[in-house]
Amino acid sequence: MKRKIEITILLIVSILIINVDGTYAKTSKNLVRNPGFESSDFSMWKYKGTGMDKLDYYTEDPVGIWDKEDDCHSGDYTFHFWSTYKHHFRLEQTISKKKLNKKKTYKASVYIQGDEVGKNAEIYLYVIADGKKYVSGLVELDGWQDWKKVTIDNIKCTKGDVKIGVYVDHAADGWGMIDDFYFGQE
């Protein structure tokens, strides 16, 4: 009986880690610290733009950490932006070279939702590694809870630290949420 249970558990685990096409599912540790803003320590995040000097919980500033669960991709918190005037900013984090494997390639992603950012808005995910800037395509935001997953693949990191971030330049009254950053091996 014990042997049947062991075989059943092994079979279930095997099914869970094998993709439909027969390849093994890849799992990679997320190297972004506090990727969904769930911890109250935001010191690893650098905000560069108008409205505030350092990242904090949302008050009346045009940006901040928002605690409305319906506005989050996952968890209870998200990065929120909104402004009655044209606004631009960068939100980024540095990942230490000590956490990177020079022989591997990496991928990055983030989830973004929002609206009314204007037809000339620039919103994209970026990674800076080995002096090269990797940039996703521009993100078009078109509604509440219409989350867009933005990704960058094939990132090489052989020399130093890596920066992952989002750039946003939006029209007056544009708004959005940014959540669940990811940076890990492909």
C-alpha atoms as a PDB file:
ATOM      1  CA  MET A   1       0.000   0.000   0.000  1.00  0.00           C
ATOM      2  CA  LYS A   2       2.802   2.414   0.917  1.00  0.00           C
ATOM      3  CA  ARG A   3       4.497   1.734  -2.448  1.00  0.00           C
ATOM      4  CA  LYS A   4       1.264   2.575  -4.351  1.00  0.00           C
ATOM      5  CA  ILE A   5       1.002   5.913  -2.536  1.00  0.00           C
ATOM      6  CA  GLU A   6       4.655   6.743  -3.310  1.00  0.00           C
ATOM      7  CA  ILE A   7       4.189   5.917  -6.996  1.00  0.00           C
ATOM      8  CA  THR A   8       0.974   7.977  -7.147  1.00  0.00           C
ATOM      9  CA  ILE A   9       2.672  10.992  -5.568  1.00  0.00           C
ATOM     10  CA  LEU A  10       5.644  10.671  -7.927  1.00  0.00           C
ATOM     11  CA  LEU A  11       3.289  10.472 -10.920  1.00  0.00           C
ATOM     12  CA  ILE A  12       1.350  13.566  -9.814  1.00  0.00           C
ATOM     13  CA  VAL A  13       4.553  15.574  -9.283  1.00  0.00           C
ATOM     14  CA  SER A  14       5.860  14.468 -12.686  1.00  0.00           C
ATOM     15  CA  ILE A  15       2.658  15.583 -14.390  1.00  0.00           C
ATOM     16  CA  LEU A  16       2.847  18.973 -12.689  1.00  0.00           C
ATOM     17  CA  ILE A  17       6.365  19.703 -13.957  1.00  0.00           C
ATOM     18  CA  ILE A  18       5.983  18.449 -17.533  1.00  0.00           C
ATOM     19  CA  ASN A  19       4.562  20.846 -20.117  1.00  0.00           C
ATOM     20  CA  VAL A  20       1.934  19.784 -22.637  1.00  0.00           C
ATOM     21  CA  ASP A  21       4.606  19.435 -25.348  1.00  0.00           C
ATOM     22  CA  GLY A  22       6.569  16.963 -23.217  1.00  0.00           C
ATOM     23  CA  THR A  23       9.307  19.369 -22.092  1.00  0.00           C
ATOM     24  CA  TYR A  24       9.937  20.048 -18.436  1.00  0.00           C
ATOM     25  CA  ALA A  25       8.497  23.200 -16.920  1.00  0.00           C
ATOM     26  CA  LYS A  26      11.184  25.695 -16.037  1.00  0.00           C
ATOM     27  CA  THR A  27      11.066  27.299 -12.671  1.00  0.00           C
ATOM     28  CA  SER A  28      13.447  30.077 -11.867  1.00  0.00           C
ATOM     29  CA  LYS A  29      13.835  32.137  -8.757  1.00  0.00           C
ATOM     30  CA  ASN A  30      12.590  35.705  -9.107  1.00  0.00           C
ATOM     31  CA  LEU A  31      15.582  37.963  -8.403  1.00  0.00           C
ATOM     32  CA  VAL A  32      13.441  41.102  -7.984  1.00  0.00           C
ATOM     33  CA  ARG A  33      13.043  42.029  -4.332  1.00  0.00           C
ATOM     34  CA  ASN A  34       9.507  42.957  -3.233  1.00  0.00           C
ATOM     35  CA  PRO A  35       8.250  42.475  -6.828  1.00  0.00           C
ATOM     36  CA  GLY A  36       4.579  43.028  -5.956  1.00  0.00           C
ATOM     37  CA  PHE A  37       5.077  45.701  -3.276  1.00  0.00           C
ATOM     38  CA  GLU A  38       3.650  43.418  -0.577  1.00  0.00           C
ATOM     39  CA  SER A  39       6.372  44.259   1.972  1.00  0.00           C
ATOM     40  CA  SER A  40       6.392  47.718   3.573  1.00  0.00           C
ATOM     41  CA  ASP A  41      10.122  48.046   2.767  1.00  0.00           C
ATOM     42  CA  PHE A  42      10.314  49.829  -0.607  1.00  0.00           C
ATOM     43  CA  SER A  43      13.968  50.873  -0.224  1.00  0.00           C
ATOM     44  CA  MET A  44      15.086  48.646  -3.114  1.00  0.00           C
ATOM     45  CA  TRP A  45      12.850  50.573  -5.533  1.00  0.00           C
ATOM     46  CA  LYS A  46      14.035  53.879  -7.003  1.00  0.00           C
ATOM     47  CA  TYR A  47      11.448  56.335  -8.264  1.00  0.00           C
ATOM     48  CA  LYS A  48      12.635  59.070 -10.627  1.00  0.00           C
ATOM     49  CA  GLY A  49      10.044  61.591 -11.712  1.00  0.00           C
ATOM     50  CA  THR A  50       7.677  64.232 -10.477  1.00  0.00           C
ATOM     51  CA  GLY A  51       5.569  63.989  -7.380  1.00  0.00           C
ATOM     52  CA  MET A  52       7.705  62.408  -4.688  1.00  0.00           C
ATOM     53  CA  ASP A  53      11.249  61.896  -3.507  1.00  0.00           C
ATOM     54  CA  LYS A  54      10.969  58.269  -2.428  1.00  0.00           C
ATOM     55  CA  LEU A  55       8.468  55.498  -2.919  1.00  0.00           C
ATOM     56  CA  ASP A  56       5.806  55.274  -0.234  1.00  0.00           C
ATOM     57  CA  TYR A  57       2.145  54.439   0.269  1.00  0.00           C
ATOM     58  CA  TYR A  58      -0.226  56.418  -1.962  1.00  0.00           C
ATOM     59  CA  THR A  59      -1.609  59.643  -0.503  1.00  0.00           C
ATOM     60  CA  GLU A  60      -2.331  62.556  -2.834  1.00  0.00           C
ATOM     61  CA  ASP A  61       0.920  62.301  -4.779  1.00  0.00           C
ATOM     62  CA  PRO A  62       0.644  61.239  -8.405  1.00  0.00           C
ATOM     63  CA  VAL A  63       2.264  57.897  -7.556  1.00  0.00           C
ATOM     64  CA  GLY A  64       2.562  55.485  -4.653  1.00  0.00           C
ATOM     65  CA  ILE A  65       1.813  52.035  -3.309  1.00  0.00           C
ATOM     66  CA  TRP A  66      -1.922  51.409  -3.463  1.00  0.00           C
ATOM     67  CA  ASP A  67      -3.734  48.999  -1.159  1.00  0.00           C
ATOM     68  CA  LYS A  68      -6.947  48.264  -3.035  1.00  0.00           C
ATOM     69  CA  GLU A  69      -7.077  44.524  -3.690  1.00  0.00           C
ATOM     70  CA  ASP A  70      -9.369  44.882  -6.747  1.00  0.00           C
ATOM     71  CA  ASP A  71      -6.678  47.003  -8.415  1.00  0.00           C
ATOM     72  CA  CYS A  72      -3.877  44.464  -7.882  1.00  0.00           C
ATOM     73  CA  HIS A  73      -2.705  41.796 -10.269  1.00  0.00           C
ATOM     74  CA  SER A  74      -1.981  39.628  -7.241  1.00  0.00           C
ATOM     75  CA  GLY A  75      -1.719  40.199  -3.513  1.00  0.00           C
ATOM     76  CA  ASP A  76      -2.983  43.255  -1.675  1.00  0.00           C
ATOM     77  CA  TYR A  77      -0.720  46.044  -2.994  1.00  0.00           C
ATOM     78  CA  THR A  78       0.290  47.538  -6.335  1.00  0.00           C
ATOM     79  CA  PHE A  79       2.170  50.576  -7.631  1.00  0.00           C
ATOM     80  CA  HIS A  80      -0.416  53.195  -8.637  1.00  0.00           C
ATOM     81  CA  PHE A  81      -0.018  56.271 -10.845  1.00  0.00           C
ATOM     82  CA  TRP A  82      -2.491  59.016 -11.676  1.00  0.00           C
ATOM     83  CA  SER A  83      -2.112  62.701 -12.352  1.00  0.00           C
ATOM     84  CA  THR A  84      -4.236  65.637 -13.459  1.00  0.00           C
ATOM     85  CA  TYR A  85      -1.258  66.864 -15.484  1.00  0.00           C
ATOM     86  CA  LYS A  86       1.089  65.274 -18.038  1.00  0.00           C
ATOM     87  CA  HIS A  87       3.453  63.098 -16.054  1.00  0.00           C
ATOM     88  CA  HIS A  88       6.506  60.902 -16.598  1.00  0.00           C
ATOM     89  CA  PHE A  89       8.566  58.702 -14.321  1.00  0.00           C
ATOM     90  CA  ARG A  90      10.825  55.674 -14.001  1.00  0.00           C
ATOM     91  CA  LEU A  91      10.456  52.986 -11.378  1.00  0.00           C
ATOM     92  CA  GLU A  92      13.467  50.693 -11.177  1.00  0.00           C
ATOM     93  CA  GLN A  93      15.458  48.282  -9.070  1.00  0.00           C
ATOM     94  CA  THR A  94      19.089  47.152  -9.238  1.00  0.00           C
ATOM     95  CA  ILE A  95      19.839  43.428  -9.063  1.00  0.00           C
ATOM     96  CA  SER A  96      23.310  42.599  -7.778  1.00  0.00           C
ATOM     97  CA  LYS A  97      25.714  40.793 -10.106  1.00  0.00           C
ATOM     98  CA  LYS A  98      26.332  38.390  -7.207  1.00  0.00           C
ATOM     99  CA  LYS A  99      22.884  36.883  -7.838  1.00  0.00           C
ATOM    100  CA  LEU A 100      23.473  36.345 -11.565  1.00  0.00           C
ATOM    101  CA  ASN A 101      24.905  33.383 -13.448  1.00  0.00           C
ATOM    102  CA  LYS A 102      27.070  34.660 -16.327  1.00  0.00           C
ATOM    103  CA  LYS A 103      26.408  31.504 -18.336  1.00  0.00           C
ATOM    104  CA  LYS A 104      22.625  31.869 -18.338  1.00  0.00           C
ATOM    105  CA  THR A 105      20.187  34.103 -20.188  1.00  0.00           C
ATOM    106  CA  TYR A 106      17.401  35.863 -18.363  1.00  0.00           C
ATOM    107  CA  LYS A 107      13.875  37.083 -18.922  1.00  0.00           C
ATOM    108  CA  ALA A 108      11.965  39.959 -17.385  1.00  0.00           C
ATOM    109  CA  SER A 109       8.285  40.739 -17.068  1.00  0.00           C
ATOM    110  CA  VAL A 110       5.778  42.974 -15.348  1.00  0.00           C
ATOM    111  CA  TYR A 111       1.997  43.412 -15.343  1.00  0.00           C
ATOM    112  CA  ILE A 112       0.434  46.797 -16.122  1.00  0.00           C
ATOM    113  CA  GLN A 113      -3.158  48.040 -16.349  1.00  0.00           C
ATOM    114  CA  GLY A 114      -4.646  51.501 -16.806  1.00  0.00           C
ATOM    115  CA  ASP A 115      -6.391  53.906 -19.139  1.00  0.00           C
ATOM    116  CA  GLU A 116      -6.647  57.479 -20.409  1.00  0.00           C
ATOM    117  CA  VAL A 117      -2.861  57.686 -20.812  1.00  0.00           C
ATOM    118  CA  GLY A 118      -3.170  59.449 -24.171  1.00  0.00           C
ATOM    119  CA  LYS A 119      -2.421  58.431 -27.743  1.00  0.00           C
ATOM    120  CA  ASN A 120       1.225  59.544 -27.440  1.00  0.00           C
ATOM    121  CA  ALA A 121       1.895  57.710 -24.170  1.00  0.00           C
ATOM    122  CA  GLU A 122       5.178  55.859 -23.747  1.00  0.00           C
ATOM    123  CA  ILE A 123       4.976  52.932 -21.365  1.00  0.00           C
ATOM    124  CA  TYR A 124       7.502  50.112 -21.467  1.00  0.00           C
ATOM    125  CA  LEU A 125       9.542  47.642 -19.450  1.00  0.00           C
ATOM    126  CA  TYR A 126      13.319  47.956 -19.654  1.00  0.00           C
ATOM    127  CA  VAL A 127      16.395  46.104 -18.456  1.00  0.00           C
ATOM    128  CA  ILE A 128      19.936  47.463 -18.477  1.00  0.00           C
ATOM    129  CA  ALA A 129      22.593  44.741 -18.481  1.00  0.00           C
ATOM    130  CA  ASP A 130      26.222  44.800 -19.625  1.00  0.00           C
ATOM    131  CA  GLY A 131      25.773  48.384 -20.830  1.00  0.00           C
ATOM    132  CA  LYS A 132      22.939  47.371 -23.160  1.00  0.00           C
ATOM    133  CA  LYS A 133      19.368  48.597 -22.751  1.00  0.00           C
ATOM    134  CA  TYR A 134      16.719  45.965 -23.525  1.00  0.00           C
ATOM    135  CA  VAL A 135      13.269  47.467 -24.109  1.00  0.00           C
ATOM    136  CA  SER A 136       9.865  45.846 -24.516  1.00  0.00           C
ATOM    137  CA  GLY A 137       7.406  47.148 -27.038  1.00  0.00           C
ATOM    138  CA  LEU A 138       5.192  50.049 -26.039  1.00  0.00           C
ATOM    139  CA  VAL A 139       2.250  49.049 -23.864  1.00  0.00           C
ATOM    140  CA  GLU A 140      -1.237  50.235 -24.771  1.00  0.00           C
ATOM    141  CA  LEU A 141      -3.483  50.518 -21.738  1.00  0.00           C
ATOM    142  CA  ASP A 142      -7.198  50.235 -22.294  1.00  0.00           C
ATOM    143  CA  GLY A 143      -9.089  49.606 -19.116  1.00  0.00           C
ATOM    144  CA  TRP A 144      -9.421  48.671 -15.505  1.00  0.00           C
ATOM    145  CA  GLN A 145      -8.384  45.094 -14.715  1.00  0.00           C
ATOM    146  CA  ASP A 146      -7.236  44.597 -18.318  1.00  0.00           C
ATOM    147  CA  TRP A 147      -3.747  43.518 -17.264  1.00  0.00           C
ATOM    148  CA  LYS A 148      -1.015  43.475 -19.888  1.00  0.00           C
ATOM    149  CA  LYS A 149       1.947  41.188 -19.300  1.00  0.00           C
ATOM    150  CA  VAL A 150       5.027  42.896 -20.710  1.00  0.00           C
ATOM    151  CA  THR A 151       8.104  40.724 -21.310  1.00  0.00           C
ATOM    152  CA  ILE A 152      11.705  40.849 -22.470  1.00  0.00           C
ATOM    153  CA  ASP A 153      13.561  37.623 -23.327  1.00  0.00           C
ATOM    154  CA  ASN A 154      17.175  36.660 -24.066  1.00  0.00           C
ATOM    155  CA  ILE A 155      18.857  39.072 -21.662  1.00  0.00           C
ATOM    156  CA  LYS A 156      22.613  38.490 -21.291  1.00  0.00           C
ATOM    157  CA  CYS A 157      24.250  39.451 -17.997  1.00  0.00           C
ATOM    158  CA  THR A 158      27.985  38.756 -17.880  1.00  0.00           C
ATOM    159  CA  LYS A 159      29.676  41.809 -16.349  1.00  0.00           C
ATOM    160  CA  GLY A 160      27.838  43.662 -13.635  1.00  0.00           C
ATOM    161  CA  ASP A 161      24.639  44.612 -11.886  1.00  0.00           C
ATOM    162  CA  VAL A 162      21.334  44.690 -13.762  1.00  0.00           C
ATOM    163  CA  LYS A 163      18.569  47.298 -13.617  1.00  0.00           C
ATOM    164  CA  ILE A 164      14.939  46.394 -14.259  1.00  0.00           C
ATOM    165  CA  GLY A 165      12.310  49.077 -14.500  1.00  0.00           C
ATOM    166  CA  VAL A 166       9.272  50.626 -16.094  1.00  0.00           C
ATOM    167  CA  TYR A 167       9.152  53.964 -17.897  1.00  0.00           C
ATOM    168  CA  VAL A 168       5.812  55.793 -18.044  1.00  0.00           C
ATOM    169  CA  ASP A 169       5.031  59.061 -19.860  1.00  0.00           C
ATOM    170  CA  HIS A 170       1.291  59.733 -19.916  1.00  0.00           C
ATOM    171  CA  ALA A 171      -1.231  62.472 -20.644  1.00  0.00           C
ATOM    172  CA  ALA A 172      -3.166  64.444 -18.044  1.00  0.00           C
ATOM    173  CA  ASP A 173      -5.694  62.273 -16.183  1.00  0.00           C
ATOM    174  CA  GLY A 174      -3.905  59.085 -17.225  1.00  0.00           C
ATOM    175  CA  TRP A 175      -3.812  56.386 -14.598  1.00  0.00           C
ATOM    176  CA  GLY A 176      -2.586  52.857 -14.054  1.00  0.00           C
ATOM    177  CA  MET A 177      -1.189  50.155 -11.829  1.00  0.00           C
ATOM    178  CA  ILE A 178       2.084  48.222 -12.071  1.00  0.00           C
ATOM    179  CA  ASP A 179       2.509  44.894 -10.301  1.00  0.00           C
ATOM    180  CA  ASP A 180       4.429  41.618 -10.126  1.00  0.00           C
ATOM    181  CA  PHE A 181       7.849  42.362 -11.586  1.00  0.00           C
ATOM    182  CA  TYR A 182       9.910  39.306 -12.517  1.00  0.00           C
ATOM    183  CA  PHE A 183      13.557  38.751 -13.451  1.00  0.00           C
ATOM    184  CA  GLY A 184      14.937  35.232 -13.625  1.00  0.00           C
ATOM    185  CA  GLN A 185      16.690  32.644 -15.747  1.00  0.00           C
ATOM    186  CA  GLU A 186      15.075  31.465 -18.958  1.00  0.00           C
END
